[in-house]
Amino acid sequence: MTGWAAWVIYSAAGSKMAGKTLLLRTANRQIRWIARKTRSVLCSAVLEAGNLRRWILRALAGAGVLVAGAAGGLATLLMYPSLLARENLTVVSWGDAYQQAQTIAFFHPFSDRTGIDLDGTIYGGGIGEIISQVESGEVLWDVVDFDLGDAVTACREGLLETIDPSMLPAGANGENAENDFVPGALGPCWAGTVVYSQIIAYAPSRTNAPPNSAADFFDLENFPGMRALRDAGPEYNLPLALFADGAGPSEIYPLLKTEQGIARAFAKLETIKDSVLWWRRPNEPIEMLAGGEIIMTTALNGRAFDAQNANADIATLWDGQVYGLDVFGIPKGTPARERAIEFVIFASSPAPLAEISSRLPYGPARLSASALVGPNPITGQTMREHLPTAPENFQNALLIDPEWWAENGAPLRARWDAWRAE
């Protein structure tokens, strides 16, 4: 999950490790390609068993597969050809607790319902691998959990299959699907799953009264002390400034297309500039709060939730949150397109989305799913109040819209950089 839903770190210890990683990745792709070819051959009954065996051996020799376990795996397929007749689906996501929750909420129930085996694979975001697979014609990933920005880019570049929103089921309250998803969660090539957000976190023990609006973040008189903001450009900070200056969610992007609105946002930020520390890594603002360096900060809602569960002196203010999305997309040309669409329909339904949110502090991308979110099945903790899309938390929220920023962001980023350098 890039994006904020997960931070995946990859490292390679020197060229030997990098070489081994590349070899294993290449071998894995070759084996997956062979398995798909083999399944296709068996299901169409074009080749008899002897010819199939010779085909596999030629394919292995031609591909140059040097993995010792490959021979045993293929022998198993030859001994039990019924395994090849089963349909499968490769779903790519972010790993860790997020993918574990998806396995429980999406993968197992979908397999039980359809008989389709799901192969969960981990990646670190971006669209480079999607480009490689689509352009080569060897599409091995059937469904990908994208950060919204990556999905928008991949869709624009023609790398994803279209998703007809009319195929998606109605909300838990009967609402039409297109009206049930939060803004930004449905697009021509994607369907949303979870919402994560930047919120305001504060230290209750160091404030005379709890702040109750984004305006309090900028109120140095009633809330004296240092603050912290994300040092990641205007996308997260200019909307917060306009929220604090009284603008509503529907006004912010129109305002940021005008000189008056831009000046208004920077003027608001100027009022606290000398009282701001800057953070880049997602754990930094929580550490700053815990260490007493600041009294308030913007932060990722999942990090604030974890700190609260660890009994840190931290509380969450939802007013003025800016949110992002994880969405499912289907790489163009996957031979499992129909199965992939069936999975997306299931996984973007209210009940599975609510199950995810009962386990992690990320809101379901469908509004009607919030009412279905129960307590965490492991800890018993009430989850609904910790979700960005809970109705009481989502009243004054804004999507970080990658399409809008792609079209309008360049001059704002230049102006932001100049302001930061002053």
Protein backbone atom coordinates (compact mmCIF):
# COMPACT_ATOMS: atom_id res chain seq x y z
CA MET A 1 0.00 0.00 0.00
CA THR A 2 1.55 2.81 -0.93
CA GLY A 3 0.01 5.03 -0.23
CA TRP A 4 -0.78 5.32 3.46
CA ALA A 5 -2.56 1.98 3.89
CA ALA A 6 0.88 0.25 4.17
CA TRP A 7 4.60 1.11 3.99
CA VAL A 8 6.54 -1.75 2.42
CA ILE A 9 10.35 -1.57 2.62
CA TYR A 10 12.55 -3.59 0.35
CA SER A 11 16.32 -3.98 0.75
CA ALA A 12 19.02 -6.01 -0.99
CA ALA A 13 22.30 -6.90 0.71
CA GLY A 14 24.69 -6.37 -2.16
CA SER A 15 24.73 -7.60 -5.72
CA LYS A 16 24.59 -11.30 -4.80
CA MET A 17 21.25 -10.88 -3.06
CA ALA A 18 19.94 -8.73 -5.90
CA GLY A 19 20.99 -11.40 -8.40
CA LYS A 20 19.27 -14.16 -6.44
CA THR A 21 16.12 -12.08 -6.13
CA LEU A 22 16.06 -11.49 -9.88
CA LEU A 23 16.63 -15.20 -10.62
CA LEU A 24 13.85 -16.32 -8.31
CA ARG A 25 11.46 -13.70 -9.66
CA THR A 26 12.21 -14.74 -13.23
CA ALA A 27 11.83 -18.43 -12.41
CA ASN A 28 8.56 -17.79 -10.62
CA ARG A 29 7.14 -15.96 -13.62
CA GLN A 30 8.24 -18.76 -15.95
CA ILE A 31 6.66 -21.44 -13.75
CA ARG A 32 3.41 -19.48 -13.47
CA TRP A 33 3.34 -19.04 -17.27
CA ILE A 34 3.92 -22.77 -17.78
CA ALA A 35 1.21 -23.65 -15.27
CA ARG A 36 -1.30 -21.48 -17.09
CA LYS A 37 -0.33 -22.90 -20.45
CA THR A 38 -0.60 -26.41 -19.03
CA ARG A 39 -4.04 -25.78 -17.58
CA SER A 40 -5.24 -24.40 -20.88
CA VAL A 41 -3.94 -27.43 -22.72
CA LEU A 42 -5.57 -29.90 -20.36
CA CYS A 43 -8.90 -28.19 -20.23
CA SER A 44 -9.14 -28.07 -24.00
CA ALA A 45 -8.06 -31.71 -24.27
CA VAL A 46 -5.89 -30.89 -27.24
CA LEU A 47 -2.89 -32.91 -26.14
CA GLU A 48 -2.76 -36.44 -24.87
CA ALA A 49 -0.82 -37.22 -21.70
CA GLY A 50 2.40 -38.21 -23.48
CA ASN A 51 2.45 -35.11 -25.63
CA LEU A 52 1.70 -32.96 -22.56
CA ARG A 53 4.67 -34.43 -20.73
CA ARG A 54 6.95 -33.72 -23.67
CA TRP A 55 5.51 -30.18 -23.98
CA ILE A 56 6.27 -29.43 -20.35
CA LEU A 57 9.82 -30.74 -20.65
CA ARG A 58 10.44 -28.65 -23.78
CA ALA A 59 8.95 -25.58 -22.07
CA LEU A 60 11.16 -26.07 -19.04
CA ALA A 61 14.26 -26.47 -21.19
CA GLY A 62 13.41 -23.46 -23.32
CA ALA A 63 12.62 -21.25 -20.33
CA GLY A 64 15.84 -22.19 -18.57
CA VAL A 65 14.16 -22.80 -15.23
CA LEU A 66 16.82 -23.66 -12.67
CA VAL A 67 14.70 -24.05 -9.57
CA ALA A 68 15.06 -27.48 -7.94
CA GLY A 69 11.49 -27.57 -6.67
CA ALA A 70 10.00 -26.99 -10.11
CA ALA A 71 10.43 -30.60 -11.23
CA GLY A 72 8.66 -31.94 -8.16
CA GLY A 73 5.82 -29.48 -8.56
CA LEU A 74 5.31 -30.33 -12.21
CA ALA A 75 5.49 -34.04 -11.46
CA THR A 76 2.68 -33.53 -8.99
CA LEU A 77 0.62 -31.80 -11.67
CA LEU A 78 1.18 -34.74 -14.02
CA MET A 79 0.24 -37.29 -11.37
CA TYR A 80 -2.90 -35.35 -10.37
CA PRO A 81 -4.17 -33.56 -13.49
CA SER A 82 -7.39 -32.64 -11.69
CA LEU A 83 -5.40 -29.95 -9.89
CA LEU A 84 -4.87 -28.20 -13.20
CA ALA A 85 -8.58 -28.08 -13.90
CA ARG A 86 -9.19 -25.86 -10.86
CA GLU A 87 -9.52 -22.20 -11.62
CA ASN A 88 -7.18 -19.80 -9.87
CA LEU A 89 -6.72 -16.08 -9.45
CA THR A 90 -3.64 -14.08 -8.47
CA VAL A 91 -4.44 -11.08 -6.27
CA VAL A 92 -1.59 -8.68 -5.53
CA SER A 93 -1.59 -6.55 -2.39
CA TRP A 94 0.61 -4.96 0.28
CA GLY A 95 1.32 -7.80 2.69
CA ASP A 96 1.53 -7.63 6.48
CA ALA A 97 -1.59 -7.13 8.60
CA TYR A 98 -3.48 -5.58 5.70
CA GLN A 99 -3.20 -8.61 3.45
CA GLN A 100 -3.87 -10.92 6.39
CA ALA A 101 -7.15 -9.09 6.93
CA GLN A 102 -7.92 -9.33 3.21
CA THR A 103 -7.30 -13.07 3.33
CA ILE A 104 -9.94 -13.46 6.04
CA ALA A 105 -12.44 -10.95 4.64
CA PHE A 106 -12.01 -11.48 0.88
CA PHE A 107 -9.90 -14.45 -0.15
CA HIS A 108 -11.26 -17.32 1.93
CA PRO A 109 -14.97 -16.40 1.59
CA PHE A 110 -14.60 -15.89 -2.16
CA SER A 111 -12.85 -19.24 -2.60
CA ASP A 112 -15.48 -20.99 -0.49
CA ARG A 113 -18.26 -19.45 -2.55
CA THR A 114 -16.81 -19.97 -6.03
CA GLY A 115 -14.26 -22.79 -5.79
CA ILE A 116 -11.64 -20.46 -7.28
CA ASP A 117 -8.23 -20.71 -5.64
CA LEU A 118 -6.65 -17.36 -4.76
CA ASP A 119 -2.91 -16.83 -4.86
CA GLY A 120 -1.95 -13.81 -2.74
CA THR A 121 1.18 -11.99 -3.91
CA ILE A 122 2.94 -8.98 -2.35
CA TYR A 123 4.28 -5.92 -4.13
CA GLY A 124 5.52 -2.46 -3.17
CA GLY A 125 3.33 -0.19 -5.27
CA GLY A 126 3.88 1.61 -8.56
CA ILE A 127 2.91 0.46 -12.05
CA GLY A 128 6.27 -0.67 -13.44
CA GLU A 129 5.48 -4.37 -13.18
CA ILE A 130 2.00 -3.81 -14.66
CA ILE A 131 3.57 -2.09 -17.67
CA SER A 132 6.02 -4.97 -18.10
CA GLN A 133 3.34 -7.65 -17.97
CA VAL A 134 0.82 -5.90 -20.20
CA GLU A 135 3.39 -4.95 -22.84
CA SER A 136 4.89 -8.45 -22.89
CA GLY A 137 1.49 -10.11 -23.21
CA GLU A 138 2.33 -12.33 -20.21
CA VAL A 139 -0.09 -10.98 -17.61
CA LEU A 140 0.36 -12.99 -14.42
CA TRP A 141 -1.39 -10.63 -12.00
CA ASP A 142 -5.18 -10.80 -12.24
CA VAL A 143 -6.22 -8.25 -9.61
CA VAL A 144 -4.05 -5.55 -8.03
CA ASP A 145 -4.68 -3.50 -4.88
CA PHE A 146 -3.55 -0.04 -6.00
CA ASP A 147 -3.05 3.25 -4.29
CA LEU A 148 -5.59 5.49 -6.02
CA GLY A 149 -2.91 7.59 -7.70
CA ASP A 150 -1.32 4.53 -9.31
CA ALA A 151 -4.72 3.26 -10.45
CA VAL A 152 -5.52 6.60 -12.07
CA THR A 153 -2.18 6.58 -13.91
CA ALA A 154 -2.49 2.95 -15.01
CA CYS A 155 -6.04 3.54 -16.23
CA ARG A 156 -5.02 6.62 -18.18
CA GLU A 157 -2.23 4.65 -19.87
CA GLY A 158 -4.59 1.85 -20.92
CA LEU A 159 -3.09 -0.76 -18.60
CA LEU A 160 -6.32 -1.76 -16.85
CA GLU A 161 -9.59 -3.40 -17.83
CA THR A 162 -12.73 -1.29 -17.50
CA ILE A 163 -15.06 -1.94 -14.58
CA ASP A 164 -18.74 -1.25 -15.16
CA PRO A 165 -20.16 0.19 -11.91
CA SER A 166 -23.60 -1.14 -12.80
CA MET A 167 -22.24 -4.64 -12.10
CA LEU A 168 -21.50 -3.79 -8.45
CA PRO A 169 -24.11 -4.76 -5.86
CA ALA A 170 -26.30 -2.23 -4.09
CA GLY A 171 -25.38 -0.89 -0.68
CA ALA A 172 -26.38 -2.52 2.57
CA ASN A 173 -29.23 0.01 2.72
CA GLY A 174 -30.32 -0.64 -0.88
CA GLU A 175 -28.56 2.45 -2.21
CA ASN A 176 -27.33 2.33 -5.78
CA ALA A 177 -23.63 1.35 -5.83
CA GLU A 178 -22.53 4.54 -7.58
CA ASN A 179 -24.05 6.59 -4.74
CA ASP A 180 -22.78 4.29 -2.00
CA PHE A 181 -19.04 4.67 -2.62
CA VAL A 182 -17.17 7.64 -1.14
CA PRO A 183 -15.99 10.28 -3.64
CA GLY A 184 -13.11 8.98 -5.73
CA ALA A 185 -13.64 5.31 -4.93
CA LEU A 186 -15.21 4.43 -8.29
CA GLY A 187 -13.53 5.08 -11.60
CA PRO A 188 -13.54 3.69 -15.13
CA CYS A 189 -10.92 1.06 -14.17
CA TRP A 190 -11.15 0.69 -10.38
CA ALA A 191 -13.39 0.00 -7.41
CA GLY A 192 -12.48 1.22 -3.93
CA THR A 193 -11.86 -0.91 -0.87
CA VAL A 194 -10.51 1.10 2.08
CA VAL A 195 -10.04 4.72 3.11
CA TYR A 196 -7.09 6.00 5.14
CA SER A 197 -6.51 9.61 6.06
CA GLN A 198 -4.35 12.36 7.42
CA ILE A 199 -5.90 13.60 10.64
CA ILE A 200 -4.93 15.95 13.46
CA ALA A 201 -3.45 14.23 16.50
CA TYR A 202 -2.89 16.03 19.78
CA ALA A 203 -1.68 15.44 23.32
CA PRO A 204 -4.67 15.79 25.69
CA SER A 205 -2.45 16.30 28.76
CA ARG A 206 -0.79 19.35 27.20
CA THR A 207 -3.90 21.23 26.08
CA ASN A 208 -6.23 23.17 28.37
CA ALA A 209 -9.21 21.86 26.42
CA PRO A 210 -9.46 19.43 23.51
CA PRO A 211 -9.36 21.07 20.07
CA ASN A 212 -12.60 20.52 18.19
CA SER A 213 -11.92 21.88 14.70
CA ALA A 214 -9.15 22.36 12.17
CA ALA A 215 -9.20 26.06 13.07
CA ASP A 216 -7.81 25.17 16.51
CA PHE A 217 -4.66 23.82 14.88
CA PHE A 218 -3.92 27.42 13.82
CA ASP A 219 -5.02 29.02 17.11
CA LEU A 220 -1.78 29.86 18.91
CA GLU A 221 -3.51 31.93 21.56
CA ASN A 222 -5.75 29.21 22.98
CA PHE A 223 -3.47 26.33 22.03
CA PRO A 224 0.09 27.62 22.48
CA GLY A 225 2.98 25.38 21.55
CA MET A 226 4.72 23.84 18.57
CA ARG A 227 2.85 21.99 15.86
CA ALA A 228 4.04 19.62 13.12
CA LEU A 229 3.03 19.37 9.47
CA ARG A 230 3.85 16.85 6.78
CA ASP A 231 6.75 17.99 4.64
CA ALA A 232 5.35 16.49 1.46
CA GLY A 233 4.12 19.39 -0.61
CA PRO A 234 0.87 21.33 -0.88
CA GLU A 235 -1.52 18.39 -1.33
CA TYR A 236 -1.88 17.80 2.40
CA ASN A 237 -1.31 21.29 3.77
CA LEU A 238 -3.16 23.78 1.58
CA PRO A 239 -6.51 21.95 2.06
CA LEU A 240 -5.97 21.91 5.83
CA ALA A 241 -5.32 25.66 5.82
CA LEU A 242 -8.52 26.32 3.89
CA PHE A 243 -10.51 24.00 6.16
CA ALA A 244 -9.19 26.00 9.11
CA ASP A 245 -10.16 29.26 7.40
CA GLY A 246 -13.78 28.15 7.09
CA ALA A 247 -13.94 26.54 3.63
CA GLY A 248 -16.00 23.40 3.14
CA PRO A 249 -14.87 20.30 1.24
CA SER A 250 -16.72 21.24 -1.96
CA GLU A 251 -15.07 24.69 -1.98
CA ILE A 252 -11.42 23.73 -1.58
CA TYR A 253 -10.42 22.62 -5.08
CA PRO A 254 -12.28 25.50 -6.77
CA LEU A 255 -10.53 27.91 -4.39
CA LEU A 256 -7.12 26.42 -5.18
CA LYS A 257 -7.69 27.24 -8.86
CA THR A 258 -7.90 30.95 -8.05
CA GLU A 259 -5.19 33.38 -6.97
CA GLN A 260 -7.44 34.60 -4.17
CA GLY A 261 -7.93 31.10 -2.80
CA ILE A 262 -4.24 30.23 -3.03
CA ALA A 263 -3.27 33.45 -1.26
CA ARG A 264 -5.84 32.70 1.42
CA ALA A 265 -4.34 29.27 2.11
CA PHE A 266 -0.76 30.54 2.32
CA ALA A 267 -1.81 33.46 4.53
CA LYS A 268 -3.34 30.98 6.98
CA LEU A 269 -0.19 28.86 7.00
CA GLU A 270 1.91 31.97 7.56
CA THR A 271 0.19 32.53 10.92
CA ILE A 272 1.83 29.40 12.37
CA LYS A 273 4.96 29.03 10.24
CA ASP A 274 7.33 29.94 13.10
CA SER A 275 5.63 27.36 15.33
CA VAL A 276 5.86 24.42 12.93
CA LEU A 277 8.18 21.43 12.86
CA TRP A 278 8.16 19.24 9.77
CA TRP A 279 7.83 15.47 9.43
CA ARG A 280 8.41 13.05 6.57
CA ARG A 281 8.40 9.50 7.93
CA PRO A 282 4.98 8.33 9.17
CA ASN A 283 6.21 7.49 12.67
CA GLU A 284 7.81 10.93 13.23
CA PRO A 285 4.74 12.93 14.29
CA ILE A 286 3.76 10.29 16.84
CA GLU A 287 7.30 10.30 18.25
CA MET A 288 7.25 14.11 18.40
CA LEU A 289 4.01 14.06 20.37
CA ALA A 290 5.24 11.34 22.70
CA GLY A 291 8.52 13.19 23.26
CA GLY A 292 6.80 16.45 24.17
CA GLU A 293 8.23 18.42 21.22
CA ILE A 294 4.78 19.42 19.96
CA ILE A 295 1.20 19.61 21.18
CA MET A 296 -0.50 18.94 17.83
CA THR A 297 0.38 17.43 14.48
CA THR A 298 -1.02 16.08 11.29
CA ALA A 299 -0.57 12.30 11.21
CA LEU A 300 -1.78 9.17 9.51
CA ASN A 301 -4.88 7.85 11.23
CA GLY A 302 -3.53 4.28 11.46
CA ARG A 303 -0.41 5.46 13.29
CA ALA A 304 -2.49 7.48 15.74
CA PHE A 305 -4.73 4.46 16.33
CA ASP A 306 -1.74 2.24 17.12
CA ALA A 307 -0.33 4.82 19.53
CA GLN A 308 -3.65 5.14 21.34
CA ASN A 309 -3.80 1.37 21.73
CA ALA A 310 -0.32 1.53 23.25
CA ASN A 311 -1.71 3.98 25.85
CA ALA A 312 0.18 6.97 24.47
CA ASP A 313 -0.97 10.49 25.34
CA ILE A 314 -2.61 10.95 21.94
CA ALA A 315 -6.12 11.70 20.74
CA THR A 316 -7.56 12.16 17.24
CA LEU A 317 -9.39 15.12 15.72
CA TRP A 318 -11.17 14.20 12.48
CA ASP A 319 -12.27 17.65 11.33
CA GLY A 320 -10.46 18.63 8.14
CA GLN A 321 -9.15 15.15 7.37
CA VAL A 322 -7.74 14.57 3.89
CA TYR A 323 -8.09 11.01 2.74
CA GLY A 324 -6.67 8.53 0.25
CA LEU A 325 -7.95 5.24 -1.10
CA ASP A 326 -6.88 1.75 -1.91
CA VAL A 327 -8.71 0.35 -4.94
CA PHE A 328 -8.82 -2.86 -6.93
CA GLY A 329 -7.92 -2.83 -10.62
CA ILE A 330 -7.55 -5.60 -13.22
CA PRO A 331 -4.45 -5.61 -15.46
CA LYS A 332 -5.40 -5.51 -19.12
CA GLY A 333 -5.08 -8.82 -20.92
CA THR A 334 -5.32 -11.16 -17.95
CA PRO A 335 -6.65 -14.52 -19.13
CA ALA A 336 -8.69 -14.64 -15.92
CA ARG A 337 -10.64 -11.46 -16.66
CA GLU A 338 -14.09 -12.86 -15.87
CA ARG A 339 -12.91 -14.41 -12.60
CA ALA A 340 -11.16 -11.16 -11.71
CA ILE A 341 -14.34 -9.17 -12.26
CA GLU A 342 -16.24 -11.66 -10.12
CA PHE A 343 -13.70 -11.17 -7.34
CA VAL A 344 -13.85 -7.36 -7.52
CA ILE A 345 -17.65 -7.47 -7.34
CA PHE A 346 -17.45 -9.63 -4.23
CA ALA A 347 -14.60 -7.78 -2.50
CA SER A 348 -16.17 -4.33 -3.02
CA SER A 349 -19.48 -5.42 -1.46
CA PRO A 350 -20.50 -3.88 1.88
CA ALA A 351 -20.16 -6.97 4.11
CA PRO A 352 -16.56 -7.93 3.13
CA LEU A 353 -15.49 -4.30 3.38
CA ALA A 354 -17.01 -4.08 6.86
CA GLU A 355 -15.07 -7.21 7.84
CA ILE A 356 -11.78 -5.54 6.87
CA SER A 357 -12.65 -2.47 8.93
CA SER A 358 -13.46 -4.58 11.97
CA ARG A 359 -9.80 -5.65 11.97
CA LEU A 360 -7.94 -2.51 10.84
CA PRO A 361 -8.52 1.24 11.37
CA TYR A 362 -9.29 1.90 7.71
CA GLY A 363 -12.77 2.88 6.65
CA PRO A 364 -14.81 0.89 4.14
CA ALA A 365 -15.01 2.69 0.80
CA ARG A 366 -18.79 2.17 0.80
CA LEU A 367 -20.82 4.44 3.07
CA SER A 368 -23.45 1.83 3.93
CA ALA A 369 -20.77 -0.59 5.14
CA SER A 370 -19.96 1.53 8.21
CA ALA A 371 -23.12 0.36 9.96
CA LEU A 372 -22.01 -3.26 9.50
CA VAL A 373 -18.60 -2.83 11.17
CA GLY A 374 -18.46 -4.83 14.37
CA PRO A 375 -15.88 -4.99 17.16
CA ASN A 376 -12.46 -6.37 16.41
CA PRO A 377 -12.92 -10.16 16.49
CA ILE A 378 -9.58 -10.69 18.21
CA THR A 379 -9.39 -7.85 20.76
CA GLY A 380 -13.08 -7.01 21.14
CA GLN A 381 -12.26 -3.32 20.57
CA THR A 382 -14.99 -1.14 19.10
CA MET A 383 -13.67 -0.09 15.69
CA ARG A 384 -16.32 2.14 14.19
CA GLU A 385 -15.26 5.30 16.05
CA HIS A 386 -11.71 4.91 14.72
CA LEU A 387 -12.66 4.79 11.03
CA PRO A 388 -12.24 7.75 8.64
CA THR A 389 -15.60 7.02 6.99
CA ALA A 390 -17.69 6.72 10.14
CA PRO A 391 -20.45 9.30 9.59
CA GLU A 392 -19.43 11.39 12.60
CA ASN A 393 -15.81 11.51 11.36
CA PHE A 394 -16.46 12.03 7.65
CA GLN A 395 -18.51 15.21 7.75
CA ASN A 396 -15.63 17.55 6.82
CA ALA A 397 -13.31 15.36 4.74
CA LEU A 398 -11.59 15.88 1.39
CA LEU A 399 -10.20 13.37 -1.10
CA ILE A 400 -6.59 13.88 -2.17
CA ASP A 401 -7.64 13.77 -5.82
CA PRO A 402 -4.72 12.58 -7.99
CA GLU A 403 -6.46 13.61 -11.20
CA TRP A 404 -6.97 17.17 -9.95
CA TRP A 405 -3.38 17.45 -8.73
CA ALA A 406 -2.02 16.01 -11.99
CA GLU A 407 -3.82 18.75 -13.89
CA ASN A 408 -3.37 21.67 -11.51
CA GLY A 409 -0.57 20.80 -9.13
CA ALA A 410 2.62 21.99 -10.85
CA PRO A 411 2.29 25.73 -10.13
CA LEU A 412 1.07 25.04 -6.59
CA ARG A 413 4.07 22.81 -5.89
CA ALA A 414 6.43 25.47 -7.22
CA ARG A 415 4.81 28.08 -5.02
CA TRP A 416 4.91 25.72 -2.04
CA ASP A 417 8.62 25.06 -2.51
CA ALA A 418 9.30 28.80 -2.67
CA TRP A 419 7.28 29.40 0.51
CA ARG A 420 9.10 26.60 2.36
CA ALA A 421 12.46 28.06 1.32
CA GLU A 422 11.68 31.54 2.67
